Amino acid sequence: MNKKQVDEAVDNYKLAHDYDGEVIVLDGFESAFMGVTSNGDGKPRACYDRMIMVEIMAEAMGSEEKATEYFNDNIYSVCLGDESPIFID
């Protein structure tokens, strides 16, 4: 997916579920975007494929080990509230 397709998917979900709040999307990880889901109380959350995200970062960082460590420390463990993205293995 590209950025426009991700934005359209989020907008379509919000429209279908009558939601006017924010959905956090991660720039640069459009190809890892899998869709939108609810966190159980009606707030939509963007879903990403964790392995694809690590692959994207590994290309820039030079190793999968560094990318995995960065992902775990700086993306996965960061809580952005109820709108935090979900990562799927």
N, C-alpha and C. Protein backbone atom coordinates (compact mmCIF):
# COMPACT_ATOMS: atom_id res chain seq x y z
N MET A 1 0.83 -1.19 0.00
CA MET A 1 0.00 0.00 0.00
C MET A 1 0.87 1.25 0.00
N ASN A 2 0.31 2.30 -0.51
CA ASN A 2 0.98 3.59 -0.41
C ASN A 2 0.23 4.46 0.60
N LYS A 3 0.75 5.65 0.86
CA LYS A 3 0.16 6.52 1.89
C LYS A 3 -1.29 6.85 1.59
N LYS A 4 -1.59 7.13 0.34
CA LYS A 4 -2.97 7.46 -0.04
C LYS A 4 -3.91 6.29 0.25
N GLN A 5 -3.49 5.07 -0.06
CA GLN A 5 -4.33 3.90 0.20
C GLN A 5 -4.54 3.67 1.69
N VAL A 6 -3.50 3.89 2.49
CA VAL A 6 -3.62 3.75 3.94
C VAL A 6 -4.62 4.78 4.46
N ASP A 7 -4.46 6.02 4.03
CA ASP A 7 -5.37 7.08 4.47
C ASP A 7 -6.81 6.77 4.07
N GLU A 8 -7.01 6.25 2.87
CA GLU A 8 -8.36 5.88 2.42
C GLU A 8 -8.94 4.75 3.26
N ALA A 9 -8.13 3.76 3.59
CA ALA A 9 -8.59 2.64 4.42
C ALA A 9 -9.03 3.14 5.80
N VAL A 10 -8.23 4.03 6.37
CA VAL A 10 -8.58 4.60 7.68
C VAL A 10 -9.85 5.43 7.58
N ASP A 11 -9.94 6.27 6.57
CA ASP A 11 -11.13 7.10 6.39
C ASP A 11 -12.38 6.25 6.17
N ASN A 12 -12.27 5.20 5.39
CA ASN A 12 -13.42 4.32 5.15
C ASN A 12 -13.87 3.63 6.42
N TYR A 13 -12.92 3.19 7.24
CA TYR A 13 -13.26 2.55 8.51
C TYR A 13 -13.97 3.55 9.41
N LYS A 14 -13.41 4.76 9.53
CA LYS A 14 -14.00 5.77 10.39
C LYS A 14 -15.42 6.13 9.93
N LEU A 15 -15.61 6.24 8.64
CA LEU A 15 -16.93 6.55 8.09
C LEU A 15 -17.93 5.42 8.38
N ALA A 16 -17.50 4.20 8.15
CA ALA A 16 -18.39 3.04 8.37
C ALA A 16 -18.77 2.86 9.82
N HIS A 17 -17.91 3.32 10.73
CA HIS A 17 -18.15 3.13 12.16
C HIS A 17 -18.51 4.44 12.87
N ASP A 18 -18.80 5.48 12.08
CA ASP A 18 -19.22 6.78 12.62
C ASP A 18 -18.26 7.26 13.71
N TYR A 19 -16.97 7.26 13.39
CA TYR A 19 -15.93 7.66 14.33
C TYR A 19 -15.23 8.89 13.78
N ASP A 20 -15.10 9.93 14.61
CA ASP A 20 -14.47 11.16 14.13
C ASP A 20 -13.16 11.48 14.84
N GLY A 21 -12.63 10.55 15.62
CA GLY A 21 -11.37 10.75 16.32
C GLY A 21 -10.17 10.41 15.45
N GLU A 22 -9.03 10.42 16.07
CA GLU A 22 -7.77 10.14 15.37
C GLU A 22 -7.47 8.64 15.34
N VAL A 23 -6.77 8.24 14.30
CA VAL A 23 -6.18 6.90 14.18
C VAL A 23 -4.71 7.14 13.90
N ILE A 24 -3.84 6.60 14.74
CA ILE A 24 -2.40 6.80 14.56
C ILE A 24 -1.89 5.86 13.47
N VAL A 25 -1.32 6.45 12.43
CA VAL A 25 -0.67 5.67 11.38
C VAL A 25 0.82 6.01 11.39
N LEU A 26 1.62 5.06 10.98
CA LEU A 26 3.07 5.20 11.05
C LEU A 26 3.64 5.48 9.66
N ASP A 27 4.15 6.69 9.47
CA ASP A 27 4.74 7.07 8.18
C ASP A 27 5.94 6.20 7.86
N GLY A 28 6.04 5.82 6.62
CA GLY A 28 7.17 5.02 6.16
C GLY A 28 6.94 3.52 6.25
N PHE A 29 5.82 3.13 6.83
CA PHE A 29 5.52 1.70 6.99
C PHE A 29 4.25 1.30 6.26
N GLU A 30 3.94 2.01 5.19
CA GLU A 30 2.72 1.73 4.44
C GLU A 30 2.66 0.30 3.93
N SER A 31 3.79 -0.26 3.54
CA SER A 31 3.77 -1.64 3.02
C SER A 31 3.53 -2.66 4.12
N ALA A 32 3.66 -2.26 5.37
CA ALA A 32 3.39 -3.16 6.51
C ALA A 32 1.97 -3.00 7.03
N PHE A 33 1.24 -2.00 6.54
CA PHE A 33 -0.13 -1.74 6.99
C PHE A 33 -1.03 -2.88 6.56
N MET A 34 -1.80 -3.40 7.52
CA MET A 34 -2.69 -4.52 7.24
C MET A 34 -4.16 -4.13 7.26
N GLY A 35 -4.49 -3.06 7.94
CA GLY A 35 -5.89 -2.63 8.01
C GLY A 35 -6.16 -1.92 9.31
N VAL A 36 -7.45 -1.80 9.62
CA VAL A 36 -7.89 -1.11 10.82
C VAL A 36 -8.81 -2.04 11.60
N THR A 37 -8.69 -2.02 12.90
CA THR A 37 -9.55 -2.80 13.77
C THR A 37 -9.94 -1.96 14.98
N SER A 38 -10.80 -2.49 15.82
CA SER A 38 -11.21 -1.79 17.03
C SER A 38 -10.46 -2.36 18.22
N ASN A 39 -10.23 -1.52 19.22
CA ASN A 39 -9.55 -1.98 20.42
C ASN A 39 -10.53 -2.55 21.45
N GLY A 40 -11.77 -2.74 21.08
CA GLY A 40 -12.75 -3.33 21.97
C GLY A 40 -13.74 -2.34 22.53
N ASP A 41 -13.37 -1.06 22.56
CA ASP A 41 -14.33 -0.07 23.04
C ASP A 41 -14.71 0.93 21.95
N GLY A 42 -14.60 0.48 20.72
CA GLY A 42 -15.05 1.29 19.59
C GLY A 42 -14.03 2.21 18.98
N LYS A 43 -12.84 2.28 19.55
CA LYS A 43 -11.81 3.15 18.98
C LYS A 43 -10.98 2.37 17.98
N PRO A 44 -10.90 2.86 16.74
CA PRO A 44 -10.14 2.14 15.73
C PRO A 44 -8.63 2.25 15.95
N ARG A 45 -7.94 1.19 15.55
CA ARG A 45 -6.49 1.14 15.65
C ARG A 45 -5.92 0.59 14.36
N ALA A 46 -4.87 1.22 13.88
CA ALA A 46 -4.18 0.73 12.69
C ALA A 46 -3.43 -0.55 13.05
N CYS A 47 -3.40 -1.51 12.13
CA CYS A 47 -2.70 -2.78 12.34
C CYS A 47 -1.53 -2.89 11.35
N TYR A 48 -0.40 -3.34 11.88
CA TYR A 48 0.80 -3.47 11.07
C TYR A 48 1.41 -4.86 11.24
N ASP A 49 2.03 -5.35 10.17
CA ASP A 49 2.78 -6.61 10.20
C ASP A 49 4.16 -6.30 10.78
N ARG A 50 4.43 -6.82 11.97
CA ARG A 50 5.69 -6.54 12.66
C ARG A 50 6.90 -6.98 11.85
N MET A 51 6.83 -8.14 11.24
CA MET A 51 7.98 -8.66 10.48
C MET A 51 8.32 -7.75 9.30
N ILE A 52 7.31 -7.25 8.62
CA ILE A 52 7.58 -6.35 7.49
C ILE A 52 8.18 -5.04 8.00
N MET A 53 7.70 -4.56 9.14
CA MET A 53 8.29 -3.35 9.71
C MET A 53 9.76 -3.55 10.02
N VAL A 54 10.10 -4.67 10.62
CA VAL A 54 11.50 -4.96 10.93
C VAL A 54 12.33 -5.04 9.65
N GLU A 55 11.78 -5.65 8.61
CA GLU A 55 12.49 -5.74 7.33
C GLU A 55 12.77 -4.34 6.76
N ILE A 56 11.77 -3.46 6.83
CA ILE A 56 11.93 -2.10 6.34
C ILE A 56 13.05 -1.40 7.09
N MET A 57 13.04 -1.53 8.42
CA MET A 57 14.08 -0.89 9.23
C MET A 57 15.44 -1.54 9.04
N ALA A 58 15.47 -2.85 8.84
CA ALA A 58 16.74 -3.55 8.66
C ALA A 58 17.47 -3.05 7.41
N GLU A 59 16.72 -2.74 6.37
CA GLU A 59 17.35 -2.19 5.16
C GLU A 59 18.05 -0.88 5.47
N ALA A 60 17.44 -0.05 6.28
CA ALA A 60 18.02 1.25 6.61
C ALA A 60 19.12 1.15 7.67
N MET A 61 18.99 0.17 8.57
CA MET A 61 19.92 0.07 9.71
C MET A 61 21.05 -0.91 9.48
N GLY A 62 20.93 -1.72 8.46
CA GLY A 62 22.02 -2.63 8.13
C GLY A 62 21.95 -4.01 8.74
N SER A 63 21.03 -4.24 9.68
CA SER A 63 20.91 -5.58 10.23
C SER A 63 19.52 -5.78 10.84
N GLU A 64 19.07 -7.01 10.78
CA GLU A 64 17.78 -7.35 11.36
C GLU A 64 17.83 -7.27 12.89
N GLU A 65 18.99 -7.61 13.45
CA GLU A 65 19.14 -7.55 14.91
C GLU A 65 18.96 -6.12 15.42
N LYS A 66 19.62 -5.17 14.77
CA LYS A 66 19.48 -3.76 15.18
C LYS A 66 18.04 -3.28 15.00
N ALA A 67 17.44 -3.67 13.89
CA ALA A 67 16.08 -3.25 13.60
C ALA A 67 15.09 -3.84 14.61
N THR A 68 15.28 -5.09 14.97
CA THR A 68 14.40 -5.72 15.96
C THR A 68 14.53 -5.04 17.31
N GLU A 69 15.76 -4.75 17.72
CA GLU A 69 15.99 -4.07 18.98
C GLU A 69 15.36 -2.68 18.97
N TYR A 70 15.53 -1.95 17.87
CA TYR A 70 14.95 -0.62 17.75
C TYR A 70 13.42 -0.70 17.81
N PHE A 71 12.85 -1.64 17.06
CA PHE A 71 11.40 -1.81 17.06
C PHE A 71 10.89 -2.07 18.47
N ASN A 72 11.50 -3.03 19.16
CA ASN A 72 11.06 -3.39 20.50
C ASN A 72 11.17 -2.24 21.49
N ASP A 73 12.27 -1.48 21.41
CA ASP A 73 12.53 -0.41 22.37
C ASP A 73 11.80 0.90 22.06
N ASN A 74 11.60 1.18 20.78
CA ASN A 74 11.13 2.51 20.39
C ASN A 74 9.77 2.56 19.70
N ILE A 75 9.25 1.42 19.33
CA ILE A 75 7.95 1.41 18.66
C ILE A 75 6.96 0.55 19.44
N TYR A 76 7.30 -0.70 19.62
CA TYR A 76 6.39 -1.64 20.27
C TYR A 76 6.10 -1.27 21.72
N SER A 77 7.11 -0.86 22.45
CA SER A 77 6.95 -0.59 23.88
C SER A 77 6.42 0.81 24.19
N VAL A 78 6.24 1.64 23.17
CA VAL A 78 5.76 3.00 23.38
C VAL A 78 4.23 2.99 23.36
N CYS A 79 3.64 3.45 24.42
CA CYS A 79 2.18 3.51 24.52
C CYS A 79 1.72 4.90 24.09
N LEU A 80 0.89 4.93 23.08
CA LEU A 80 0.36 6.19 22.58
C LEU A 80 -1.12 6.34 22.93
N GLY A 81 -1.56 5.60 23.92
CA GLY A 81 -2.95 5.66 24.35
C GLY A 81 -3.82 4.67 23.62
N ASP A 82 -5.11 4.90 23.69
CA ASP A 82 -6.09 3.98 23.10
C ASP A 82 -5.98 3.88 21.58
N GLU A 83 -5.31 4.84 20.97
CA GLU A 83 -5.18 4.84 19.51
C GLU A 83 -3.88 4.19 19.04
N SER A 84 -3.10 3.63 19.95
CA SER A 84 -1.83 3.01 19.58
C SER A 84 -2.05 1.94 18.52
N PRO A 85 -1.16 1.87 17.54
CA PRO A 85 -1.26 0.81 16.54
C PRO A 85 -1.11 -0.57 17.18
N ILE A 86 -1.60 -1.57 16.47
CA ILE A 86 -1.47 -2.97 16.86
C ILE A 86 -0.46 -3.61 15.91
N PHE A 87 0.40 -4.47 16.45
CA PHE A 87 1.41 -5.14 15.63
C PHE A 87 1.14 -6.64 15.64
N ILE A 88 1.08 -7.21 14.45
CA ILE A 88 0.75 -8.62 14.27
C ILE A 88 1.97 -9.38 13.82
N ASP A 89 2.21 -10.54 14.43
CA ASP A 89 3.31 -11.41 13.99
C ASP A 89 2.83 -12.35 12.92
